[in-house]
Amino acid sequence: MSIQQKLKQNPKLKAFMLYLMMPKGQARPRLWVKLFVNPFVHKKGKGSLIRRRTRIDVLPFQPFQLGRYATIEDFATVNNGMGAVIIGDSTRIGIGNVVIGPVTIGNNVILAQNIVLSGLNHGYQDPHTPIALQPCSVAQIVVEDDCWIGANSVITAGVTIGKHAVVAGGSVVTKNVPAYTIVAGNPARPIKQYNPDTGNWEKANG
């Protein structure tokens, strides 16, 4: 039985472990977790780099992987508290990005500045309970290989962005993006698609 399964079956043990690892009401783990636990639990690929001014809020209960020659730039935040964060080879997480799991990012992906990818949503349905106290839901975000996401974009929970797709700066992506497609706007819509028959990027239909 895995650690995650044991904790799910024992709420008191889970609460105690969380208390040891993270101050109450906070998302950032205690310093001892960062220094003495995470380096032995999470996989960091050859040549990868996490800049000094980052906030890596990762706990040992969920996976966090950084691929070979991948980079997390300054002022970025990565959080795996509610789901795994997997970052592929030669991928760049840009300045000021926020990545909240569950998120899987492929190889050779470029994320520009101030992008939010959040696989988490706060519950709000009970009007008599503060939103902060309601259960959260999660839905996997997947960014496939070779994508480019422009600055100030938001990728919402449950979205898959297909291979070699481009998200224009400032877009809010609420639906899946097909491979070899450029999307833009709020909500983001296809504006161009690659046509293998002509070898050109052509205006998207509709």
N, C-alpha and C. Protein backbone atom coordinates (compact mmCIF):
# COMPACT_ATOMS: atom_id res chain seq x y z
N MET A 1 0.85 -1.20 0.00
CA MET A 1 0.00 0.00 0.00
C MET A 1 0.88 1.25 0.00
N SER A 2 0.58 2.21 -0.89
CA SER A 2 1.39 3.42 -1.00
C SER A 2 1.13 4.36 0.16
N ILE A 3 2.03 5.35 0.32
CA ILE A 3 1.86 6.35 1.37
C ILE A 3 0.56 7.12 1.17
N GLN A 4 0.25 7.45 -0.09
CA GLN A 4 -0.97 8.20 -0.38
C GLN A 4 -2.21 7.41 0.05
N GLN A 5 -2.23 6.11 -0.21
CA GLN A 5 -3.38 5.29 0.17
C GLN A 5 -3.52 5.20 1.68
N LYS A 6 -2.40 5.05 2.38
CA LYS A 6 -2.44 4.99 3.84
C LYS A 6 -2.98 6.28 4.44
N LEU A 7 -2.56 7.40 3.88
CA LEU A 7 -3.03 8.68 4.40
C LEU A 7 -4.51 8.90 4.13
N LYS A 8 -4.98 8.48 2.96
CA LYS A 8 -6.40 8.61 2.65
C LYS A 8 -7.27 7.80 3.60
N GLN A 9 -6.74 6.67 4.06
CA GLN A 9 -7.51 5.80 4.95
C GLN A 9 -7.42 6.24 6.41
N ASN A 10 -6.52 7.16 6.71
CA ASN A 10 -6.33 7.60 8.09
C ASN A 10 -6.28 9.13 8.13
N PRO A 11 -7.44 9.79 8.22
CA PRO A 11 -7.47 11.27 8.18
C PRO A 11 -6.66 11.92 9.31
N LYS A 12 -6.64 11.29 10.49
CA LYS A 12 -5.88 11.88 11.61
C LYS A 12 -4.38 11.86 11.32
N LEU A 13 -3.91 10.75 10.76
CA LEU A 13 -2.50 10.66 10.39
C LEU A 13 -2.16 11.68 9.31
N LYS A 14 -3.07 11.83 8.34
CA LYS A 14 -2.85 12.79 7.26
C LYS A 14 -2.76 14.21 7.81
N ALA A 15 -3.67 14.56 8.73
CA ALA A 15 -3.67 15.90 9.32
C ALA A 15 -2.38 16.14 10.10
N PHE A 16 -1.91 15.12 10.83
CA PHE A 16 -0.69 15.25 11.60
C PHE A 16 0.52 15.44 10.69
N MET A 17 0.58 14.66 9.60
CA MET A 17 1.70 14.77 8.67
C MET A 17 1.71 16.15 8.00
N LEU A 18 0.52 16.64 7.64
CA LEU A 18 0.45 17.96 7.02
C LEU A 18 0.90 19.04 7.99
N TYR A 19 0.54 18.88 9.27
CA TYR A 19 0.97 19.84 10.28
C TYR A 19 2.50 19.87 10.39
N LEU A 20 3.12 18.69 10.33
CA LEU A 20 4.57 18.63 10.42
C LEU A 20 5.25 19.28 9.22
N MET A 21 4.60 19.16 8.05
CA MET A 21 5.25 19.60 6.81
C MET A 21 4.88 21.01 6.39
N MET A 22 3.75 21.54 6.87
CA MET A 22 3.28 22.81 6.36
C MET A 22 2.52 23.57 7.46
N PRO A 23 2.83 24.84 7.67
CA PRO A 23 2.08 25.62 8.66
C PRO A 23 0.59 25.67 8.32
N LYS A 24 -0.27 25.69 9.33
CA LYS A 24 -1.71 25.68 9.12
C LYS A 24 -2.14 26.89 8.29
N GLY A 25 -2.97 26.64 7.29
CA GLY A 25 -3.49 27.71 6.45
C GLY A 25 -2.53 28.20 5.39
N GLN A 26 -1.38 27.54 5.24
CA GLN A 26 -0.39 27.97 4.27
C GLN A 26 -0.21 26.92 3.17
N ALA A 27 0.33 27.36 2.02
CA ALA A 27 0.59 26.44 0.92
C ALA A 27 2.06 26.09 0.79
N ARG A 28 2.92 26.84 1.47
CA ARG A 28 4.37 26.63 1.34
C ARG A 28 4.85 25.64 2.40
N PRO A 29 5.53 24.57 2.00
CA PRO A 29 6.05 23.61 2.98
C PRO A 29 7.11 24.24 3.88
N ARG A 30 7.30 23.62 5.03
CA ARG A 30 8.35 24.07 5.95
C ARG A 30 9.72 23.86 5.31
N LEU A 31 10.70 24.63 5.80
CA LEU A 31 12.03 24.62 5.20
C LEU A 31 12.67 23.23 5.25
N TRP A 32 12.43 22.47 6.31
CA TRP A 32 13.07 21.15 6.43
C TRP A 32 12.58 20.20 5.34
N VAL A 33 11.33 20.39 4.88
CA VAL A 33 10.81 19.56 3.79
C VAL A 33 11.57 19.87 2.50
N LYS A 34 11.76 21.15 2.24
CA LYS A 34 12.48 21.57 1.04
C LYS A 34 13.92 21.06 1.04
N LEU A 35 14.57 21.12 2.21
CA LEU A 35 16.00 20.81 2.28
C LEU A 35 16.30 19.32 2.41
N PHE A 36 15.46 18.60 3.17
CA PHE A 36 15.83 17.24 3.55
C PHE A 36 14.89 16.15 3.03
N VAL A 37 13.77 16.52 2.44
CA VAL A 37 12.82 15.51 1.93
C VAL A 37 12.73 15.56 0.41
N ASN A 38 12.39 16.73 -0.12
CA ASN A 38 12.14 16.82 -1.55
C ASN A 38 13.31 16.39 -2.43
N PRO A 39 14.56 16.73 -2.08
CA PRO A 39 15.67 16.31 -2.95
C PRO A 39 15.79 14.80 -3.11
N PHE A 40 15.27 14.04 -2.14
CA PHE A 40 15.38 12.59 -2.19
C PHE A 40 14.13 11.92 -2.76
N VAL A 41 13.04 12.66 -2.84
CA VAL A 41 11.76 12.10 -3.27
C VAL A 41 11.47 12.42 -4.73
N HIS A 42 11.77 13.66 -5.13
CA HIS A 42 11.36 14.13 -6.45
C HIS A 42 12.51 14.05 -7.45
N LYS A 43 12.13 13.79 -8.70
CA LYS A 43 13.10 13.54 -9.75
C LYS A 43 13.46 14.84 -10.48
N LYS A 44 14.75 15.14 -10.52
CA LYS A 44 15.26 16.33 -11.21
C LYS A 44 16.27 15.85 -12.24
N GLY A 45 15.97 16.10 -13.52
CA GLY A 45 16.77 15.55 -14.60
C GLY A 45 18.12 16.22 -14.77
N LYS A 46 19.01 15.54 -15.47
CA LYS A 46 20.35 16.05 -15.76
C LYS A 46 20.27 17.41 -16.46
N GLY A 47 21.06 18.36 -15.96
CA GLY A 47 21.13 19.66 -16.60
C GLY A 47 19.95 20.56 -16.35
N SER A 48 18.99 20.13 -15.53
CA SER A 48 17.82 20.96 -15.25
C SER A 48 18.20 22.07 -14.26
N LEU A 49 17.39 23.12 -14.23
CA LEU A 49 17.72 24.29 -13.43
C LEU A 49 16.47 24.90 -12.84
N ILE A 50 16.49 25.11 -11.52
CA ILE A 50 15.45 25.88 -10.84
C ILE A 50 16.11 27.15 -10.32
N ARG A 51 15.70 28.28 -10.85
CA ARG A 51 16.32 29.55 -10.46
C ARG A 51 16.09 29.83 -8.96
N ARG A 52 16.92 30.68 -8.40
CA ARG A 52 16.91 30.90 -6.95
C ARG A 52 15.64 31.58 -6.46
N ARG A 53 15.07 32.48 -7.26
CA ARG A 53 13.89 33.24 -6.82
C ARG A 53 12.60 32.57 -7.27
N THR A 54 12.48 31.29 -7.02
CA THR A 54 11.26 30.56 -7.34
C THR A 54 10.58 30.13 -6.05
N ARG A 55 9.32 29.76 -6.17
CA ARG A 55 8.58 29.21 -5.03
C ARG A 55 8.14 27.80 -5.41
N ILE A 56 8.86 26.82 -4.91
CA ILE A 56 8.59 25.43 -5.24
C ILE A 56 7.84 24.80 -4.05
N ASP A 57 6.52 24.91 -4.10
CA ASP A 57 5.66 24.40 -3.02
C ASP A 57 5.30 22.95 -3.32
N VAL A 58 6.25 22.06 -3.14
CA VAL A 58 5.99 20.66 -3.43
C VAL A 58 6.14 19.81 -2.17
N LEU A 59 5.26 18.82 -2.07
CA LEU A 59 5.25 17.89 -0.95
C LEU A 59 5.53 16.48 -1.46
N PRO A 60 5.93 15.57 -0.58
CA PRO A 60 6.28 14.22 -1.04
C PRO A 60 5.08 13.33 -1.37
N PHE A 61 3.86 13.79 -1.07
CA PHE A 61 2.68 12.95 -1.28
C PHE A 61 2.28 12.84 -2.75
N GLN A 62 2.70 13.82 -3.57
CA GLN A 62 2.37 13.83 -5.00
C GLN A 62 3.67 13.96 -5.79
N PRO A 63 3.71 13.40 -7.00
CA PRO A 63 4.94 13.50 -7.79
C PRO A 63 5.25 14.92 -8.25
N PHE A 64 6.52 15.21 -8.31
CA PHE A 64 7.04 16.40 -8.98
C PHE A 64 8.28 15.96 -9.76
N GLN A 65 8.26 16.17 -11.08
CA GLN A 65 9.39 15.77 -11.90
C GLN A 65 9.76 16.92 -12.83
N LEU A 66 11.07 17.14 -12.93
CA LEU A 66 11.60 18.15 -13.83
C LEU A 66 12.55 17.46 -14.78
N GLY A 67 12.28 17.55 -16.07
CA GLY A 67 13.02 16.81 -17.08
C GLY A 67 14.43 17.32 -17.31
N ARG A 68 15.15 16.59 -18.12
CA ARG A 68 16.53 16.96 -18.46
C ARG A 68 16.58 18.31 -19.18
N TYR A 69 17.49 19.16 -18.73
CA TYR A 69 17.74 20.46 -19.34
C TYR A 69 16.50 21.36 -19.34
N ALA A 70 15.56 21.08 -18.45
CA ALA A 70 14.41 21.96 -18.26
C ALA A 70 14.77 23.08 -17.29
N THR A 71 14.04 24.20 -17.39
CA THR A 71 14.32 25.37 -16.55
C THR A 71 13.03 25.92 -15.96
N ILE A 72 13.07 26.25 -14.69
CA ILE A 72 12.01 27.01 -14.04
C ILE A 72 12.60 28.37 -13.69
N GLU A 73 12.09 29.41 -14.33
CA GLU A 73 12.68 30.74 -14.20
C GLU A 73 12.26 31.43 -12.89
N ASP A 74 12.92 32.56 -12.60
CA ASP A 74 12.66 33.32 -11.39
C ASP A 74 11.19 33.72 -11.26
N PHE A 75 10.75 33.77 -9.99
CA PHE A 75 9.42 34.24 -9.60
C PHE A 75 8.29 33.31 -10.04
N ALA A 76 8.64 32.13 -10.54
CA ALA A 76 7.62 31.13 -10.84
C ALA A 76 7.21 30.41 -9.56
N THR A 77 5.99 29.85 -9.57
CA THR A 77 5.48 29.05 -8.46
C THR A 77 5.02 27.71 -8.99
N VAL A 78 5.44 26.64 -8.34
CA VAL A 78 4.99 25.28 -8.69
C VAL A 78 4.41 24.66 -7.43
N ASN A 79 3.19 24.11 -7.55
CA ASN A 79 2.50 23.54 -6.39
C ASN A 79 1.91 22.18 -6.77
N ASN A 80 2.29 21.14 -6.04
CA ASN A 80 1.76 19.80 -6.30
C ASN A 80 0.87 19.30 -5.17
N GLY A 81 0.35 20.22 -4.37
CA GLY A 81 -0.44 19.83 -3.21
C GLY A 81 -1.68 19.04 -3.55
N MET A 82 -2.31 19.33 -4.70
CA MET A 82 -3.55 18.64 -5.09
C MET A 82 -3.38 17.71 -6.27
N GLY A 83 -2.18 17.69 -6.86
CA GLY A 83 -1.96 16.81 -8.00
C GLY A 83 -0.53 16.91 -8.51
N ALA A 84 -0.12 15.88 -9.21
CA ALA A 84 1.26 15.80 -9.70
C ALA A 84 1.58 16.92 -10.67
N VAL A 85 2.85 17.34 -10.65
CA VAL A 85 3.37 18.28 -11.65
C VAL A 85 4.55 17.60 -12.35
N ILE A 86 4.38 17.34 -13.64
CA ILE A 86 5.39 16.66 -14.44
C ILE A 86 5.82 17.61 -15.55
N ILE A 87 7.10 17.92 -15.62
CA ILE A 87 7.64 18.85 -16.62
C ILE A 87 8.68 18.11 -17.44
N GLY A 88 8.55 18.15 -18.76
CA GLY A 88 9.37 17.34 -19.65
C GLY A 88 10.74 17.92 -19.93
N ASP A 89 11.47 17.23 -20.81
CA ASP A 89 12.84 17.61 -21.17
C ASP A 89 12.86 18.90 -21.98
N SER A 90 13.88 19.73 -21.70
CA SER A 90 14.15 20.94 -22.48
C SER A 90 12.96 21.89 -22.53
N THR A 91 12.18 21.90 -21.47
CA THR A 91 11.01 22.78 -21.37
C THR A 91 11.35 23.95 -20.47
N ARG A 92 10.83 25.13 -20.82
CA ARG A 92 11.11 26.34 -20.05
C ARG A 92 9.81 26.86 -19.42
N ILE A 93 9.81 26.93 -18.08
CA ILE A 93 8.72 27.54 -17.33
C ILE A 93 9.13 28.98 -17.08
N GLY A 94 8.44 29.92 -17.71
CA GLY A 94 8.91 31.30 -17.78
C GLY A 94 8.78 32.08 -16.48
N ILE A 95 9.29 33.30 -16.51
CA ILE A 95 9.28 34.19 -15.35
C ILE A 95 7.84 34.45 -14.90
N GLY A 96 7.59 34.25 -13.61
CA GLY A 96 6.29 34.57 -13.04
C GLY A 96 5.19 33.58 -13.35
N ASN A 97 5.51 32.42 -13.90
CA ASN A 97 4.48 31.42 -14.16
C ASN A 97 3.97 30.80 -12.87
N VAL A 98 2.71 30.35 -12.90
CA VAL A 98 2.11 29.61 -11.79
C VAL A 98 1.63 28.27 -12.35
N VAL A 99 2.14 27.18 -11.78
CA VAL A 99 1.76 25.84 -12.23
C VAL A 99 1.24 25.07 -11.02
N ILE A 100 -0.07 24.80 -11.02
CA ILE A 100 -0.72 24.11 -9.90
C ILE A 100 -1.27 22.79 -10.42
N GLY A 101 -0.78 21.68 -9.87
CA GLY A 101 -1.17 20.36 -10.35
C GLY A 101 -2.62 20.01 -10.05
N PRO A 102 -3.12 19.01 -10.80
CA PRO A 102 -2.38 18.11 -11.69
C PRO A 102 -2.12 18.72 -13.08
N VAL A 103 -0.83 18.80 -13.41
CA VAL A 103 -0.40 19.35 -14.69
C VAL A 103 0.73 18.49 -15.24
N THR A 104 0.62 18.13 -16.52
CA THR A 104 1.71 17.44 -17.21
C THR A 104 2.11 18.27 -18.43
N ILE A 105 3.37 18.65 -18.50
CA ILE A 105 3.90 19.47 -19.59
C ILE A 105 4.95 18.64 -20.32
N GLY A 106 4.84 18.57 -21.63
CA GLY A 106 5.70 17.71 -22.43
C GLY A 106 7.10 18.26 -22.64
N ASN A 107 7.76 17.76 -23.66
CA ASN A 107 9.13 18.13 -24.00
C ASN A 107 9.16 19.34 -24.94
N ASN A 108 10.22 20.15 -24.81
CA ASN A 108 10.44 21.27 -25.73
C ASN A 108 9.28 22.26 -25.76
N VAL A 109 8.69 22.48 -24.59
CA VAL A 109 7.59 23.44 -24.47
C VAL A 109 8.14 24.77 -24.01
N ILE A 110 7.62 25.86 -24.58
CA ILE A 110 8.00 27.21 -24.16
C ILE A 110 6.80 27.86 -23.50
N LEU A 111 6.94 28.22 -22.23
CA LEU A 111 5.95 29.02 -21.54
C LEU A 111 6.55 30.40 -21.32
N ALA A 112 5.93 31.42 -21.87
CA ALA A 112 6.45 32.78 -21.74
C ALA A 112 6.22 33.29 -20.31
N GLN A 113 5.92 34.56 -20.12
CA GLN A 113 5.87 35.14 -18.79
C GLN A 113 4.44 35.22 -18.25
N ASN A 114 4.34 35.09 -16.91
CA ASN A 114 3.09 35.35 -16.19
C ASN A 114 1.92 34.51 -16.68
N ILE A 115 2.17 33.23 -16.91
CA ILE A 115 1.14 32.29 -17.34
C ILE A 115 0.64 31.52 -16.13
N VAL A 116 -0.66 31.22 -16.10
CA VAL A 116 -1.25 30.41 -15.04
C VAL A 116 -1.80 29.13 -15.64
N LEU A 117 -1.33 27.99 -15.12
CA LEU A 117 -1.91 26.69 -15.43
C LEU A 117 -2.36 26.09 -14.10
N SER A 118 -3.66 26.00 -13.89
CA SER A 118 -4.17 25.50 -12.62
C SER A 118 -5.14 24.36 -12.85
N GLY A 119 -4.73 23.17 -12.40
CA GLY A 119 -5.62 22.01 -12.46
C GLY A 119 -6.58 21.95 -11.30
N LEU A 120 -6.63 23.00 -10.50
CA LEU A 120 -7.46 23.05 -9.29
C LEU A 120 -8.55 24.10 -9.44
N ASN A 121 -9.74 23.76 -8.91
CA ASN A 121 -10.83 24.73 -8.81
C ASN A 121 -11.38 24.71 -7.39
N HIS A 122 -11.68 25.88 -6.86
CA HIS A 122 -12.28 25.96 -5.53
C HIS A 122 -13.79 25.73 -5.64
N GLY A 123 -14.33 24.98 -4.68
CA GLY A 123 -15.78 24.81 -4.61
C GLY A 123 -16.45 26.09 -4.14
N TYR A 124 -17.64 26.35 -4.65
CA TYR A 124 -18.37 27.57 -4.30
C TYR A 124 -19.87 27.31 -4.13
N GLN A 125 -20.31 26.04 -4.35
CA GLN A 125 -21.73 25.75 -4.50
C GLN A 125 -22.56 26.04 -3.25
N ASP A 126 -21.98 25.88 -2.06
CA ASP A 126 -22.72 26.11 -0.82
C ASP A 126 -22.61 27.59 -0.44
N PRO A 127 -23.71 28.36 -0.58
CA PRO A 127 -23.62 29.80 -0.31
C PRO A 127 -23.48 30.13 1.17
N HIS A 128 -23.65 29.15 2.04
CA HIS A 128 -23.57 29.38 3.48
C HIS A 128 -22.19 29.07 4.06
N THR A 129 -21.27 28.59 3.20
CA THR A 129 -19.92 28.24 3.63
C THR A 129 -18.91 29.07 2.85
N PRO A 130 -17.95 29.68 3.55
CA PRO A 130 -16.92 30.43 2.81
C PRO A 130 -16.25 29.56 1.75
N ILE A 131 -16.00 30.14 0.60
CA ILE A 131 -15.40 29.39 -0.50
C ILE A 131 -14.08 28.74 -0.06
N ALA A 132 -13.31 29.44 0.77
CA ALA A 132 -12.02 28.90 1.21
C ALA A 132 -12.17 27.61 2.01
N LEU A 133 -13.36 27.35 2.56
CA LEU A 133 -13.57 26.16 3.38
C LEU A 133 -14.28 25.04 2.63
N GLN A 134 -14.63 25.27 1.37
CA GLN A 134 -15.32 24.25 0.59
C GLN A 134 -14.31 23.35 -0.14
N PRO A 135 -14.72 22.11 -0.42
CA PRO A 135 -13.79 21.17 -1.08
C PRO A 135 -13.37 21.67 -2.46
N CYS A 136 -12.12 21.37 -2.80
CA CYS A 136 -11.60 21.69 -4.12
C CYS A 136 -11.79 20.51 -5.06
N SER A 137 -11.89 20.81 -6.34
CA SER A 137 -11.91 19.77 -7.37
C SER A 137 -10.68 19.92 -8.24
N VAL A 138 -10.27 18.83 -8.87
CA VAL A 138 -9.11 18.88 -9.75
C VAL A 138 -9.44 18.22 -11.08
N ALA A 139 -8.78 18.69 -12.13
CA ALA A 139 -8.89 18.10 -13.46
C ALA A 139 -7.56 18.32 -14.17
N GLN A 140 -7.02 17.26 -14.73
CA GLN A 140 -5.68 17.26 -15.31
C GLN A 140 -5.55 18.24 -16.48
N ILE A 141 -4.49 19.03 -16.45
CA ILE A 141 -4.07 19.84 -17.60
C ILE A 141 -2.91 19.11 -18.28
N VAL A 142 -2.97 19.02 -19.60
CA VAL A 142 -1.89 18.40 -20.37
C VAL A 142 -1.46 19.37 -21.46
N VAL A 143 -0.16 19.66 -21.50
CA VAL A 143 0.43 20.43 -22.59
C VAL A 143 1.39 19.49 -23.30
N GLU A 144 1.06 19.12 -24.54
CA GLU A 144 1.87 18.14 -25.26
C GLU A 144 3.16 18.78 -25.79
N ASP A 145 3.99 17.96 -26.41
CA ASP A 145 5.33 18.39 -26.85
C ASP A 145 5.27 19.57 -27.82
N ASP A 146 6.33 20.39 -27.74
CA ASP A 146 6.64 21.42 -28.76
C ASP A 146 5.67 22.60 -28.77
N CYS A 147 4.90 22.80 -27.71
CA CYS A 147 3.94 23.92 -27.70
C CYS A 147 4.62 25.22 -27.28
N TRP A 148 3.97 26.32 -27.66
CA TRP A 148 4.39 27.66 -27.23
C TRP A 148 3.16 28.37 -26.68
N ILE A 149 3.25 28.81 -25.42
CA ILE A 149 2.15 29.52 -24.78
C ILE A 149 2.61 30.94 -24.49
N GLY A 150 1.87 31.92 -25.03
CA GLY A 150 2.25 33.32 -24.93
C GLY A 150 2.00 33.92 -23.56
N ALA A 151 2.62 35.07 -23.32
CA ALA A 151 2.59 35.72 -22.02
C ALA A 151 1.16 36.05 -21.58
N ASN A 152 0.96 35.98 -20.25
CA ASN A 152 -0.30 36.38 -19.59
C ASN A 152 -1.49 35.52 -19.97
N SER A 153 -1.24 34.30 -20.42
CA SER A 153 -2.33 33.37 -20.74
C SER A 153 -2.75 32.60 -19.50
N VAL A 154 -3.99 32.10 -19.54
CA VAL A 154 -4.53 31.26 -18.47
C VAL A 154 -5.02 29.96 -19.09
N ILE A 155 -4.56 28.84 -18.54
CA ILE A 155 -5.00 27.53 -19.00
C ILE A 155 -5.83 26.92 -17.86
N THR A 156 -7.09 26.64 -18.11
CA THR A 156 -7.98 26.22 -17.04
C THR A 156 -7.96 24.70 -16.86
N ALA A 157 -8.48 24.26 -15.73
CA ALA A 157 -8.45 22.85 -15.36
C ALA A 157 -9.13 21.98 -16.41
N GLY A 158 -8.53 20.83 -16.69
CA GLY A 158 -9.12 19.86 -17.60
C GLY A 158 -8.77 20.02 -19.06
N VAL A 159 -8.00 21.04 -19.40
CA VAL A 159 -7.69 21.35 -20.80
C VAL A 159 -6.46 20.55 -21.26
N THR A 160 -6.53 20.07 -22.51
CA THR A 160 -5.37 19.48 -23.18
C THR A 160 -4.99 20.35 -24.37
N ILE A 161 -3.72 20.70 -24.45
CA ILE A 161 -3.20 21.48 -25.58
C ILE A 161 -2.35 20.54 -26.43
N GLY A 162 -2.77 20.33 -27.66
CA GLY A 162 -2.15 19.34 -28.53
C GLY A 162 -0.76 19.73 -28.99
N LYS A 163 -0.07 18.76 -29.55
CA LYS A 163 1.32 18.93 -29.96
C LYS A 163 1.50 20.09 -30.93
N HIS A 164 2.58 20.86 -30.71
CA HIS A 164 2.99 21.96 -31.59
C HIS A 164 1.90 23.01 -31.76
N ALA A 165 1.04 23.14 -30.75
CA ALA A 165 0.02 24.21 -30.77
C ALA A 165 0.62 25.49 -30.21
N VAL A 166 -0.02 26.62 -30.55
CA VAL A 166 0.40 27.93 -30.09
C VAL A 166 -0.79 28.62 -29.44
N VAL A 167 -0.55 29.15 -28.23
CA VAL A 167 -1.57 29.93 -27.53
C VAL A 167 -1.10 31.38 -27.53
N ALA A 168 -1.86 32.26 -28.19
CA ALA A 168 -1.47 33.66 -28.28
C ALA A 168 -1.49 34.32 -26.91
N GLY A 169 -0.65 35.33 -26.72
CA GLY A 169 -0.56 36.03 -25.46
C GLY A 169 -1.90 36.57 -25.00
N GLY A 170 -2.17 36.47 -23.70
CA GLY A 170 -3.39 37.00 -23.12
C GLY A 170 -4.62 36.14 -23.30
N SER A 171 -4.46 34.93 -23.83
CA SER A 171 -5.61 34.06 -24.07
C SER A 171 -6.06 33.37 -22.78
N VAL A 172 -7.34 33.05 -22.73
CA VAL A 172 -7.90 32.23 -21.65
C VAL A 172 -8.42 30.96 -22.31
N VAL A 173 -7.75 29.84 -22.04
CA VAL A 173 -8.05 28.59 -22.73
C VAL A 173 -8.96 27.75 -21.85
N THR A 174 -10.19 27.55 -22.31
CA THR A 174 -11.20 26.81 -21.54
C THR A 174 -11.58 25.50 -22.20
N LYS A 175 -11.11 25.28 -23.44
CA LYS A 175 -11.42 24.05 -24.16
C LYS A 175 -10.14 23.47 -24.77
N ASN A 176 -10.18 22.19 -25.08
CA ASN A 176 -9.01 21.53 -25.66
C ASN A 176 -8.58 22.21 -26.95
N VAL A 177 -7.26 22.23 -27.16
CA VAL A 177 -6.68 22.83 -28.37
C VAL A 177 -6.12 21.70 -29.23
N PRO A 178 -6.59 21.55 -30.47
CA PRO A 178 -6.05 20.49 -31.33
C PRO A 178 -4.56 20.71 -31.62
N ALA A 179 -3.90 19.64 -31.97
CA ALA A 179 -2.49 19.74 -32.37
C ALA A 179 -2.35 20.64 -33.60
N TYR A 180 -1.20 21.31 -33.71
CA TYR A 180 -0.87 22.15 -34.87
C TYR A 180 -1.94 23.22 -35.12
N THR A 181 -2.37 23.86 -34.03
CA THR A 181 -3.41 24.88 -34.11
C THR A 181 -2.97 26.10 -33.30
N ILE A 182 -3.29 27.30 -33.80
CA ILE A 182 -3.06 28.54 -33.06
C ILE A 182 -4.39 29.02 -32.53
N VAL A 183 -4.45 29.32 -31.23
CA VAL A 183 -5.68 29.85 -30.63
C VAL A 183 -5.39 31.21 -30.01
N ALA A 184 -6.44 32.03 -29.92
CA ALA A 184 -6.30 33.36 -29.34
C ALA A 184 -7.63 33.81 -28.78
N GLY A 185 -7.59 34.70 -27.79
CA GLY A 185 -8.79 35.34 -27.30
C GLY A 185 -9.26 34.83 -25.95
N ASN A 186 -10.39 35.40 -25.50
CA ASN A 186 -11.03 35.03 -24.24
C ASN A 186 -12.53 34.90 -24.46
N PRO A 187 -13.02 33.65 -24.53
CA PRO A 187 -12.28 32.39 -24.48
C PRO A 187 -11.51 32.15 -25.79
N ALA A 188 -10.42 31.39 -25.68
CA ALA A 188 -9.56 31.16 -26.84
C ALA A 188 -10.28 30.35 -27.91
N ARG A 189 -10.08 30.76 -29.17
CA ARG A 189 -10.66 30.06 -30.32
C ARG A 189 -9.58 29.87 -31.38
N PRO A 190 -9.69 28.82 -32.20
CA PRO A 190 -8.70 28.61 -33.27
C PRO A 190 -8.70 29.75 -34.29
N ILE A 191 -7.51 30.23 -34.63
CA ILE A 191 -7.42 31.25 -35.68
C ILE A 191 -6.62 30.74 -36.87
N LYS A 192 -5.70 29.78 -36.64
CA LYS A 192 -4.94 29.17 -37.73
C LYS A 192 -4.69 27.70 -37.43
N GLN A 193 -4.56 26.91 -38.49
CA GLN A 193 -4.21 25.49 -38.36
C GLN A 193 -3.23 25.13 -39.46
N TYR A 194 -2.34 24.20 -39.13
CA TYR A 194 -1.37 23.76 -40.13
C TYR A 194 -2.03 22.76 -41.07
N ASN A 195 -1.84 23.00 -42.38
CA ASN A 195 -2.37 22.11 -43.40
C ASN A 195 -1.22 21.31 -43.99
N PRO A 196 -1.12 20.01 -43.67
CA PRO A 196 0.01 19.21 -44.18
C PRO A 196 0.00 19.05 -45.69
N ASP A 197 -1.16 19.23 -46.30
CA ASP A 197 -1.24 19.09 -47.76
C ASP A 197 -0.56 20.26 -48.48
N THR A 198 -0.68 21.47 -47.91
CA THR A 198 -0.09 22.65 -48.54
C THR A 198 1.22 23.06 -47.87
N GLY A 199 1.44 22.55 -46.65
CA GLY A 199 2.62 22.95 -45.91
C GLY A 199 2.53 24.36 -45.34
N ASN A 200 1.30 24.89 -45.24
CA ASN A 200 1.11 26.26 -44.74
C ASN A 200 0.21 26.27 -43.50
N TRP A 201 0.36 27.34 -42.72
CA TRP A 201 -0.58 27.64 -41.61
C TRP A 201 -1.71 28.46 -42.21
N GLU A 202 -2.91 27.94 -42.17
CA GLU A 202 -4.05 28.57 -42.84
C GLU A 202 -5.12 28.97 -41.85
N LYS A 203 -5.92 29.95 -42.23
CA LYS A 203 -7.01 30.45 -41.38
C LYS A 203 -7.94 29.30 -41.02
N ALA A 204 -8.26 29.23 -39.73
CA ALA A 204 -9.12 28.14 -39.24
C ALA A 204 -10.56 28.39 -39.67
N ASN A 205 -11.26 27.31 -40.01
CA ASN A 205 -12.67 27.42 -40.38
C ASN A 205 -13.52 27.75 -39.15
N GLY A 206 -14.47 28.61 -39.30
CA GLY A 206 -15.37 28.97 -38.22
C GLY A 206 -14.74 29.93 -37.26
